[in-house]
Amino acid sequence: MSEDTKNLKDLGSLLNLPKLNMPSEEEFNSFKKKIASYIGLNLFNYKNAQMERRIVSLMNRNNIFKLDEYYKLLTLDKEKLEEFTNMLTINVTEFFRNNDKFDELEQKFIPDLLQKHGSIKIWSAGCSCGAEIYSIAMILDRLNVLEKCTLVASDFDQNILNRAKKGHYSRFELGTIRAEYKKYFKPIDTAGEKFQVDDKLTSKVRFERRDLLNGTFEKNFHLILCRNVVIYFTEEAKDKLYADFYNSLTNGGVLFIGSTERIHNYKEIGYNLNSSFFYQK
């Protein structure tokens, strides 16, 4: 049992919650295998402590105290399965997250790649609601190269992909966008609370359901963005993923990661650290 899970059990006692017979390692492993078979999500690639804490929290929320009962609920209730998937895949993102780094993309990396290749192929891996790939599309449009570039965005969660394809966002979600980019959004309600991304952007993005920890990746990307996605992965899973990204990049291609992330063995994989959070093949 992880320390986090033990703390949850102790908290439950203090609050007089129903006693939870904590799952054993064997029970968790059985649950992971069932989930992998049922929805194709390999939980063995996630850090145990965080994963156990989140699963136990969901079980408590649903007044379920055995893993096999929780698994049965997931197979019978689509909304509960969506809740579970959202909890593990962490669908949080925003437009131009870390503005200074997107400025660096616009002013340095994308122009350099365009100069070398003429047109570029870009992948937002773990795209969530699409804010990241649409941020890139706006940059490309401002540079007058959107039409000749290829944009791909992927996520494991089909529901969040469906939302990304629509390109609908709230006024709150657009709150951090600079004035020069607001022209790409039009209101779709009379209250001005909901907005639609310009069709010229949505029509250029190919959205795909993809599990980053299983299967093979497309090749010949010039730029891959995978930001704030791997924080709950095991170190082994991260190493494999970063190596797979390397193999999917063209020579000189760039991997852009999150501001809280590092690739400690980047030299062994074959990357150069070109700038903070930008690794070049």
Protein backbone atom coordinates (compact mmCIF):
# COMPACT_ATOMS: atom_id res chain seq x y z
CA MET A 1 0.00 0.00 0.00
CA SER A 2 1.42 3.42 -0.89
CA GLU A 3 1.83 6.13 1.77
CA ASP A 4 -0.77 8.30 -0.02
CA THR A 5 -3.32 5.51 0.11
CA LYS A 6 -2.60 4.89 3.82
CA ASN A 7 -3.21 8.59 4.49
CA LEU A 8 -6.57 8.39 2.73
CA LYS A 9 -7.55 5.45 4.91
CA ASP A 10 -6.55 7.32 8.08
CA LEU A 11 -8.50 10.39 6.95
CA GLY A 12 -11.58 8.24 6.37
CA SER A 13 -11.38 6.97 9.96
CA LEU A 14 -11.19 10.50 11.35
CA LEU A 15 -14.25 11.56 9.36
CA ASN A 16 -16.22 8.43 10.29
CA LEU A 17 -16.50 7.34 6.68
CA PRO A 18 -17.37 3.71 5.88
CA LYS A 19 -14.37 1.49 6.43
CA LEU A 20 -12.47 0.86 3.22
CA ASN A 21 -10.66 -2.45 2.92
CA MET A 22 -7.66 -1.14 1.00
CA PRO A 23 -6.91 -3.06 -2.18
CA SER A 24 -3.79 -5.16 -2.10
CA GLU A 25 -1.08 -4.97 -4.72
CA GLU A 26 -2.48 -8.15 -6.25
CA GLU A 27 -5.97 -6.61 -6.45
CA PHE A 28 -4.63 -3.44 -8.05
CA ASN A 29 -2.68 -5.48 -10.59
CA SER A 30 -5.80 -7.47 -11.45
CA PHE A 31 -7.75 -4.21 -11.85
CA LYS A 32 -5.06 -2.78 -14.13
CA LYS A 33 -5.18 -5.86 -16.37
CA LYS A 34 -8.96 -5.65 -16.65
CA ILE A 35 -8.83 -1.94 -17.53
CA ALA A 36 -6.15 -2.58 -20.16
CA SER A 37 -8.32 -5.29 -21.72
CA TYR A 38 -11.52 -3.21 -21.50
CA ILE A 39 -10.43 0.25 -22.73
CA GLY A 40 -6.83 -0.27 -23.82
CA LEU A 41 -5.32 1.98 -21.13
CA ASN A 42 -2.15 0.53 -19.61
CA LEU A 43 -2.14 1.60 -15.96
CA PHE A 44 1.16 -0.18 -15.35
CA ASN A 45 2.85 2.84 -16.95
CA TYR A 46 1.48 5.20 -14.29
CA LYS A 47 3.14 5.94 -10.94
CA ASN A 48 1.44 3.76 -8.35
CA ALA A 49 1.06 6.33 -5.57
CA GLN A 50 -0.77 8.95 -7.64
CA MET A 51 -2.83 6.40 -9.51
CA GLU A 52 -3.93 4.62 -6.32
CA ARG A 53 -4.84 7.93 -4.69
CA ARG A 54 -7.01 8.99 -7.61
CA ILE A 55 -8.74 5.62 -7.96
CA VAL A 56 -9.47 5.38 -4.24
CA SER A 57 -10.82 8.93 -4.30
CA LEU A 58 -13.23 8.00 -7.10
CA MET A 59 -14.27 4.83 -5.31
CA ASN A 60 -15.07 6.85 -2.17
CA ARG A 61 -16.99 9.40 -4.22
CA ASN A 62 -19.16 6.57 -5.55
CA ASN A 63 -19.52 4.82 -2.17
CA ILE A 64 -17.71 1.75 -3.46
CA PHE A 65 -15.08 0.05 -1.34
CA LYS A 66 -13.88 -2.88 -3.44
CA LEU A 67 -11.98 -2.71 -6.71
CA ASP A 68 -13.95 -5.49 -8.38
CA GLU A 69 -17.20 -3.64 -7.60
CA TYR A 70 -15.73 -0.42 -9.00
CA TYR A 71 -14.64 -2.19 -12.17
CA LYS A 72 -18.17 -3.58 -12.57
CA LEU A 73 -19.55 -0.04 -12.26
CA LEU A 74 -17.18 1.18 -14.99
CA THR A 75 -18.42 -1.52 -17.37
CA LEU A 76 -22.08 -0.69 -16.73
CA ASP A 77 -22.08 3.12 -16.55
CA LYS A 78 -20.60 5.15 -19.43
CA GLU A 79 -20.59 8.35 -17.39
CA LYS A 80 -18.59 6.71 -14.60
CA LEU A 81 -16.16 5.31 -17.16
CA GLU A 82 -15.75 8.81 -18.62
CA GLU A 83 -15.17 10.18 -15.12
CA PHE A 84 -12.48 7.54 -14.56
CA THR A 85 -10.77 8.23 -17.89
CA ASN A 86 -10.81 11.98 -17.33
CA MET A 87 -9.30 11.51 -13.90
CA LEU A 88 -6.36 9.54 -15.26
CA THR A 89 -5.73 11.49 -18.46
CA ILE A 90 -5.88 14.91 -16.75
CA ASN A 91 -7.58 17.02 -19.40
CA VAL A 92 -6.18 20.41 -18.41
CA THR A 93 -4.64 22.84 -20.87
CA GLU A 94 -4.85 26.45 -22.01
CA PHE A 95 -4.09 28.62 -25.00
CA PHE A 96 -0.44 29.73 -25.31
CA ARG A 97 0.48 28.16 -21.98
CA ASN A 98 3.75 29.82 -20.94
CA ASN A 99 3.51 32.72 -23.39
CA ASP A 100 7.25 33.37 -23.46
CA LYS A 101 7.87 29.86 -24.78
CA PHE A 102 5.27 30.27 -27.53
CA ASP A 103 6.97 33.55 -28.43
CA GLU A 104 10.19 31.56 -28.81
CA LEU A 105 8.37 29.08 -31.03
CA GLU A 106 7.01 31.89 -33.22
CA GLN A 107 10.20 33.89 -33.41
CA LYS A 108 12.86 31.18 -33.53
CA PHE A 109 11.98 27.53 -33.92
CA ILE A 110 9.11 27.64 -36.41
CA PRO A 111 10.87 30.14 -38.73
CA ASP A 112 14.05 28.03 -38.62
CA LEU A 113 12.11 24.87 -39.47
CA LEU A 114 10.23 26.63 -42.26
CA GLN A 115 13.46 27.96 -43.72
CA LYS A 116 14.95 24.46 -43.82
CA HIS A 117 11.88 22.53 -44.98
CA GLY A 118 9.45 24.96 -46.62
CA SER A 119 6.46 23.33 -44.95
CA ILE A 120 6.36 21.58 -41.60
CA LYS A 121 4.45 18.76 -39.92
CA ILE A 122 3.41 19.33 -36.29
CA TRP A 123 1.94 16.99 -33.66
CA SER A 124 0.27 17.98 -30.39
CA ALA A 125 0.53 14.78 -28.34
CA GLY A 126 -1.98 14.68 -25.50
CA CYS A 127 -3.90 17.59 -26.99
CA SER A 128 -6.80 17.63 -24.49
CA CYS A 129 -9.45 20.17 -25.61
CA GLY A 130 -7.32 21.42 -28.52
CA ALA A 131 -6.13 24.76 -27.10
CA GLU A 132 -2.49 23.90 -27.78
CA ILE A 133 -2.82 22.88 -31.43
CA TYR A 134 -5.07 25.85 -32.17
CA SER A 135 -2.45 28.11 -30.58
CA ILE A 136 0.06 26.71 -33.07
CA ALA A 137 -2.41 27.14 -35.93
CA MET A 138 -2.86 30.83 -35.04
CA ILE A 139 0.90 31.33 -35.07
CA LEU A 140 1.19 29.65 -38.47
CA ASP A 141 -1.62 31.79 -39.85
CA ARG A 142 0.06 34.96 -38.60
CA LEU A 143 3.20 33.79 -40.42
CA ASN A 144 1.09 33.15 -43.58
CA VAL A 145 2.11 29.47 -43.75
CA LEU A 146 -0.91 27.70 -42.25
CA GLU A 147 -2.18 26.31 -45.56
CA LYS A 148 1.04 24.52 -46.40
CA CYS A 149 1.63 22.95 -42.99
CA THR A 150 0.25 19.69 -41.56
CA LEU A 151 -1.24 19.69 -38.06
CA VAL A 152 -2.03 16.54 -36.08
CA ALA A 153 -3.47 16.38 -32.55
CA SER A 154 -4.06 13.25 -30.50
CA ASP A 155 -5.44 12.19 -27.15
CA PHE A 156 -6.56 8.96 -25.53
CA ASP A 157 -9.89 10.41 -24.40
CA GLN A 158 -12.41 10.31 -27.24
CA ASN A 159 -14.80 12.66 -25.46
CA ILE A 160 -12.21 15.41 -25.13
CA LEU A 161 -11.22 14.86 -28.77
CA ASN A 162 -14.84 15.38 -29.83
CA ARG A 163 -14.85 18.66 -27.97
CA ALA A 164 -11.53 19.71 -29.53
CA LYS A 165 -12.87 19.05 -33.02
CA LYS A 166 -15.80 21.39 -32.39
CA GLY A 167 -13.50 24.16 -31.20
CA HIS A 168 -15.96 25.56 -28.65
CA TYR A 169 -14.55 27.50 -25.68
CA SER A 170 -15.85 29.62 -22.84
CA ARG A 171 -15.05 33.27 -22.26
CA PHE A 172 -13.05 32.17 -19.23
CA GLU A 173 -10.89 29.83 -21.33
CA LEU A 174 -10.05 32.69 -23.70
CA GLY A 175 -9.16 35.03 -20.86
CA THR A 176 -5.39 34.72 -21.27
CA ILE A 177 -5.30 35.16 -25.05
CA ARG A 178 -3.60 38.28 -26.35
CA ALA A 179 -5.68 40.83 -28.24
CA GLU A 180 -4.10 39.99 -31.62
CA TYR A 181 -5.39 36.42 -31.42
CA LYS A 182 -8.98 37.15 -30.40
CA LYS A 183 -9.94 37.70 -34.04
CA TYR A 184 -9.87 33.90 -34.44
CA PHE A 185 -12.92 33.44 -32.19
CA LYS A 186 -16.53 34.37 -32.77
CA PRO A 187 -19.34 34.31 -30.16
CA ILE A 188 -21.92 31.57 -30.56
CA ASP A 189 -24.37 32.74 -27.90
CA THR A 190 -26.08 36.05 -27.24
CA ALA A 191 -24.48 36.44 -23.82
CA GLY A 192 -20.97 36.32 -25.25
CA GLU A 193 -19.99 33.45 -22.97
CA LYS A 194 -19.22 30.81 -25.62
CA PHE A 195 -16.97 31.08 -28.66
CA GLN A 196 -16.14 29.08 -31.78
CA VAL A 197 -12.64 28.82 -33.27
CA ASP A 198 -12.37 30.10 -36.84
CA ASP A 199 -13.09 27.37 -39.40
CA LYS A 200 -9.76 28.02 -41.10
CA LEU A 201 -8.10 26.60 -37.98
CA THR A 202 -10.40 23.66 -37.24
CA SER A 203 -10.30 22.53 -40.86
CA LYS A 204 -6.50 22.27 -40.78
CA VAL A 205 -6.18 19.96 -37.76
CA ARG A 206 -6.40 16.18 -38.00
CA PHE A 207 -7.55 14.80 -34.64
CA GLU A 208 -6.79 11.19 -33.72
CA ARG A 209 -7.36 8.92 -30.74
CA ARG A 210 -3.97 7.61 -29.72
CA ASP A 211 -2.41 6.04 -26.63
CA LEU A 212 1.07 7.49 -26.17
CA LEU A 213 2.22 4.45 -24.21
CA ASN A 214 1.19 1.80 -26.72
CA GLY A 215 1.53 1.32 -30.45
CA THR A 216 3.71 2.94 -33.09
CA PHE A 217 3.92 6.61 -34.02
CA GLU A 218 3.77 8.40 -37.33
CA LYS A 219 7.12 9.59 -38.71
CA ASN A 220 8.64 12.75 -40.15
CA PHE A 221 7.35 15.34 -37.70
CA HIS A 222 9.28 18.60 -37.59
CA LEU A 223 7.77 19.70 -34.28
CA ILE A 224 6.17 17.64 -31.49
CA LEU A 225 4.51 19.21 -28.47
CA CYS A 226 3.96 17.02 -25.40
CA ARG A 227 3.47 19.36 -22.48
CA ASN A 228 2.30 18.60 -18.95
CA VAL A 229 1.23 15.11 -20.03
CA VAL A 230 3.84 12.75 -18.56
CA ILE A 231 3.90 13.92 -14.94
CA TYR A 232 2.11 10.78 -13.67
CA PHE A 233 4.03 8.31 -15.87
CA THR A 234 6.74 6.05 -14.47
CA GLU A 235 10.33 6.95 -15.32
CA GLU A 236 10.53 3.88 -17.57
CA ALA A 237 7.41 4.97 -19.46
CA LYS A 238 8.80 8.49 -19.88
CA ASP A 239 12.12 7.20 -21.23
CA LYS A 240 10.34 5.05 -23.79
CA LEU A 241 8.02 7.86 -24.83
CA TYR A 242 10.80 10.40 -25.33
CA ALA A 243 12.74 7.84 -27.37
CA ASP A 244 9.63 7.16 -29.47
CA PHE A 245 9.22 10.90 -30.06
CA TYR A 246 12.86 11.06 -31.13
CA ASN A 247 12.24 8.35 -33.71
CA SER A 248 9.18 10.22 -35.01
CA LEU A 249 11.08 13.47 -35.57
CA THR A 250 12.94 14.39 -38.72
CA ASN A 251 16.64 15.24 -38.36
CA GLY A 252 16.70 18.67 -36.75
CA GLY A 253 13.13 18.29 -35.53
CA VAL A 254 12.14 19.76 -32.17
CA LEU A 255 10.35 18.32 -29.12
CA PHE A 256 8.66 20.96 -26.92
CA ILE A 257 7.85 19.81 -23.36
CA GLY A 258 6.18 21.39 -20.32
CA SER A 259 7.78 23.95 -18.01
CA THR A 260 7.82 21.52 -15.06
CA GLU A 261 9.36 18.67 -17.05
CA ARG A 262 12.93 17.61 -17.88
CA ILE A 263 14.47 14.89 -20.02
CA HIS A 264 17.38 13.87 -17.81
CA ASN A 265 18.89 11.39 -20.28
CA TYR A 266 18.34 13.51 -23.40
CA LYS A 267 21.95 13.10 -24.57
CA GLU A 268 21.68 9.32 -24.39
CA ILE A 269 18.54 9.41 -26.53
CA GLY A 270 20.19 11.72 -29.07
CA TYR A 271 18.68 15.14 -28.33
CA ASN A 272 20.43 18.48 -27.97
CA LEU A 273 18.98 20.92 -25.43
CA ASN A 274 18.55 23.89 -27.76
CA SER A 275 16.74 26.06 -25.23
CA SER A 276 14.84 25.45 -21.99
CA PHE A 277 12.12 22.84 -22.73
CA PHE A 278 13.10 22.57 -26.42
CA TYR A 279 14.98 19.40 -27.38
CA GLN A 280 16.31 19.03 -30.92
CA LYS A 281 17.13 15.83 -32.78
